[in-house]
Amino acid sequence: MIYFVTSNRGKFAEAREIFEDLEMRNIGYTEIQADTLEEVADFGIREVARRLEGPVMIEDAGLFIPALKGFPGVYSAYVQKTVGNQGILKLMSEETDRRAFFRSVVAYAEPGLEPVTFEGEVHGRIGFEERGNLGFGYDPIFYLGNRSLGEMEIDEKNCISHRSASMNALKAWLSSRPEP
């Protein structure tokens, strides 16, 4: 059993498609202001590992838009809560370079083990409108080809997403370790 510390039910639903023995723990942890997702995840997993017994993981992700100099990046959750998708679309209204990518960092720890991290990315573009009511967060404005992530069911999204890439990397790492 791995404890996945998150308050985001959407993240948990996606993770449950990858890990069989996963339990959501909404205990909160300090999300420091830092320049990278790795720094945020490393700090958070160390705090969580001190508070919970057993295997634990957290995930931090961000939407990075080159035309906006990487914004919202590590501040993606805050920007989503304050200006939302419509705010990003407004910032992008005059931009012709609509490239964007999601980045995910999963951090994992267990007793007697230094925390480890795994990364994943997916590259796409910011659409001109929100489409779809599946997923969460920026999914309706992040397009791959002619569809947004907000139009994809979890199983389809998990074949291509940043979060599934980082979580599948963790799963592969866990599977490759010798049995204790």
Protein backbone atom coordinates (compact mmCIF):
# COMPACT_ATOMS: atom_id res chain seq x y z
CA MET A 1 0.00 0.00 0.00
CA ILE A 2 1.28 3.46 -0.94
CA TYR A 3 -0.18 6.58 0.62
CA PHE A 4 -0.70 9.27 -2.03
CA VAL A 5 -0.82 12.60 -0.23
CA THR A 6 -3.07 14.94 -2.19
CA SER A 7 -6.28 16.88 -1.85
CA ASN A 8 -6.91 16.65 -5.60
CA ARG A 9 -9.43 13.90 -6.36
CA GLY A 10 -8.66 14.19 -10.08
CA LYS A 11 -4.99 13.40 -9.50
CA PHE A 12 -5.95 10.51 -7.25
CA ALA A 13 -8.33 9.06 -9.86
CA GLU A 14 -5.58 9.17 -12.49
CA ALA A 15 -3.08 7.58 -10.08
CA ARG A 16 -5.53 4.78 -9.16
CA GLU A 17 -5.53 3.72 -12.80
CA ILE A 18 -1.77 3.12 -12.52
CA PHE A 19 -1.31 1.82 -8.95
CA GLU A 20 -3.52 -0.94 -7.55
CA ASP A 21 -2.66 -0.46 -3.88
CA LEU A 22 -3.03 3.28 -3.41
CA GLU A 23 -4.72 5.18 -0.62
CA MET A 24 -5.46 8.90 -0.73
CA ARG A 25 -4.36 10.89 2.30
CA ASN A 26 -5.49 14.50 2.42
CA ILE A 27 -3.21 15.65 5.23
CA GLY A 28 -1.70 18.68 3.54
CA TYR A 29 1.95 19.60 3.48
CA THR A 30 4.05 22.69 2.99
CA GLU A 31 4.43 23.66 -0.66
CA ILE A 32 7.42 25.95 -0.62
CA GLN A 33 7.90 28.76 -3.12
CA ALA A 34 10.76 27.53 -5.26
CA ASP A 35 12.10 27.78 -8.79
CA THR A 36 11.54 24.13 -9.72
CA LEU A 37 8.96 21.42 -9.25
CA GLU A 38 11.76 19.15 -8.00
CA GLU A 39 12.50 21.48 -5.08
CA VAL A 40 8.81 21.68 -4.15
CA ALA A 41 8.39 17.89 -4.35
CA ASP A 42 11.59 17.13 -2.44
CA PHE A 43 10.66 19.44 0.42
CA GLY A 44 7.09 18.12 0.52
CA ILE A 45 7.98 14.41 0.49
CA ARG A 46 10.44 14.85 3.34
CA GLU A 47 7.73 16.49 5.44
CA VAL A 48 5.16 13.84 4.52
CA ALA A 49 7.59 10.98 5.21
CA ARG A 50 8.17 12.33 8.74
CA ARG A 51 4.42 12.42 9.37
CA LEU A 52 3.27 9.11 7.89
CA GLU A 53 4.58 5.59 8.47
CA GLY A 54 5.18 3.54 5.35
CA PRO A 55 5.53 4.20 1.63
CA VAL A 56 4.34 7.68 0.63
CA MET A 57 4.21 9.69 -2.57
CA ILE A 58 3.29 13.18 -3.65
CA GLU A 59 3.04 14.75 -7.09
CA ASP A 60 3.61 18.32 -8.17
CA ALA A 61 2.89 19.49 -11.68
CA GLY A 62 2.93 22.67 -13.66
CA LEU A 63 1.86 24.13 -16.98
CA PHE A 64 4.74 25.88 -18.73
CA ILE A 65 4.09 28.29 -21.60
CA PRO A 66 7.23 29.47 -23.47
CA ALA A 67 5.51 32.61 -24.85
CA LEU A 68 4.84 33.64 -21.23
CA LYS A 69 8.44 32.86 -20.19
CA GLY A 70 7.38 29.57 -18.57
CA PHE A 71 4.45 31.05 -16.63
CA PRO A 72 2.51 29.77 -14.73
CA GLY A 73 5.08 26.99 -14.11
CA VAL A 74 5.60 26.21 -10.42
CA TYR A 75 2.76 28.61 -9.59
CA SER A 76 0.21 26.70 -11.69
CA ALA A 77 -2.08 25.69 -8.82
CA TYR A 78 -2.22 29.25 -7.48
CA VAL A 79 -2.82 30.72 -10.94
CA GLN A 80 -5.57 28.17 -11.60
CA LYS A 81 -7.30 29.16 -8.35
CA THR A 82 -6.98 32.90 -8.97
CA VAL A 83 -7.37 33.56 -12.71
CA GLY A 84 -8.30 30.10 -14.01
CA ASN A 85 -8.39 28.97 -17.60
CA GLN A 86 -10.05 32.15 -18.80
CA GLY A 87 -7.19 34.20 -17.34
CA ILE A 88 -4.61 32.12 -19.24
CA LEU A 89 -6.64 32.39 -22.44
CA LYS A 90 -6.77 36.16 -21.99
CA LEU A 91 -2.98 36.34 -21.46
CA MET A 92 -2.53 34.28 -24.64
CA SER A 93 -5.09 36.19 -26.75
CA GLU A 94 -2.46 38.03 -28.83
CA GLU A 95 0.11 35.22 -28.88
CA THR A 96 0.84 33.28 -32.04
CA ASP A 97 3.27 30.91 -30.30
CA ARG A 98 0.83 28.73 -28.38
CA ARG A 99 3.22 25.93 -27.47
CA ALA A 100 2.93 24.65 -23.92
CA PHE A 101 3.90 21.66 -21.88
CA PHE A 102 2.89 20.02 -18.66
CA ARG A 103 5.59 18.76 -16.34
CA SER A 104 5.05 16.37 -13.44
CA VAL A 105 7.38 15.36 -10.63
CA VAL A 106 6.43 12.44 -8.41
CA ALA A 107 8.36 12.08 -5.17
CA TYR A 108 8.41 8.80 -3.25
CA ALA A 109 9.77 7.83 0.16
CA GLU A 110 9.62 4.90 2.51
CA PRO A 111 11.29 4.18 5.84
CA GLY A 112 15.03 3.68 5.45
CA LEU A 113 15.15 5.13 1.93
CA GLU A 114 16.17 8.59 0.76
CA PRO A 115 13.36 10.17 -1.27
CA VAL A 116 13.46 9.62 -5.03
CA THR A 117 11.78 11.60 -7.80
CA PHE A 118 10.47 10.76 -11.24
CA GLU A 119 9.53 13.16 -14.03
CA GLY A 120 7.17 13.24 -16.96
CA GLU A 121 6.25 15.75 -19.65
CA VAL A 122 3.68 16.13 -22.37
CA HIS A 123 3.95 18.79 -25.08
CA GLY A 124 0.98 20.42 -26.75
CA ARG A 125 -0.48 23.87 -27.18
CA ILE A 126 -2.89 26.29 -25.56
CA GLY A 127 -6.18 26.34 -27.43
CA PHE A 128 -8.31 29.39 -28.13
CA GLU A 129 -11.20 28.11 -26.02
CA GLU A 130 -12.02 25.65 -23.28
CA ARG A 131 -13.25 22.31 -24.57
CA GLY A 132 -14.37 19.29 -22.60
CA ASN A 133 -15.52 18.73 -19.05
CA LEU A 134 -13.34 15.74 -18.21
CA GLY A 135 -10.17 15.97 -16.19
CA PHE A 136 -9.46 19.06 -14.12
CA GLY A 137 -7.43 22.26 -13.99
CA TYR A 138 -5.93 23.34 -17.29
CA ASP A 139 -7.06 20.20 -19.16
CA PRO A 140 -9.79 22.00 -21.18
CA ILE A 141 -7.31 24.53 -22.67
CA PHE A 142 -4.37 22.17 -23.25
CA TYR A 143 -4.60 20.62 -26.70
CA LEU A 144 -2.90 17.64 -28.28
CA GLY A 145 -3.74 17.72 -31.96
CA ASN A 146 -7.39 18.71 -32.32
CA ARG A 147 -8.50 17.63 -28.84
CA SER A 148 -8.04 19.00 -25.37
CA LEU A 149 -7.12 16.86 -22.38
CA GLY A 150 -10.53 17.90 -21.06
CA GLU A 151 -12.12 15.82 -23.82
CA MET A 152 -10.23 12.63 -22.89
CA GLU A 153 -11.30 9.86 -20.55
CA ILE A 154 -8.79 8.93 -17.82
CA ASP A 155 -7.57 5.80 -19.59
CA GLU A 156 -6.85 7.73 -22.79
CA LYS A 157 -5.21 10.61 -20.92
CA ASN A 158 -3.09 8.15 -18.93
CA CYS A 159 -1.58 6.84 -22.17
CA ILE A 160 0.00 10.24 -22.90
CA SER A 161 0.00 12.53 -19.87
CA HIS A 162 2.87 14.00 -17.90
CA ARG A 163 1.46 12.60 -14.67
CA SER A 164 1.13 9.07 -16.02
CA ALA A 165 4.72 9.26 -17.33
CA SER A 166 6.13 10.20 -13.93
CA MET A 167 3.93 7.71 -12.07
CA ASN A 168 4.71 4.90 -14.51
CA ALA A 169 8.41 5.65 -14.02
CA LEU A 170 7.92 5.23 -10.26
CA LYS A 171 5.94 2.03 -10.82
CA ALA A 172 8.70 0.60 -13.05
CA TRP A 173 11.33 1.54 -10.46
CA LEU A 174 9.35 -0.13 -7.67
CA SER A 175 8.89 -3.27 -9.81
CA SER A 176 12.61 -3.48 -10.63
CA ARG A 177 13.74 -3.50 -7.00
CA PRO A 178 14.66 -6.82 -5.41
CA GLU A 179 12.18 -8.18 -2.89
CA PRO A 180 13.21 -7.49 0.74
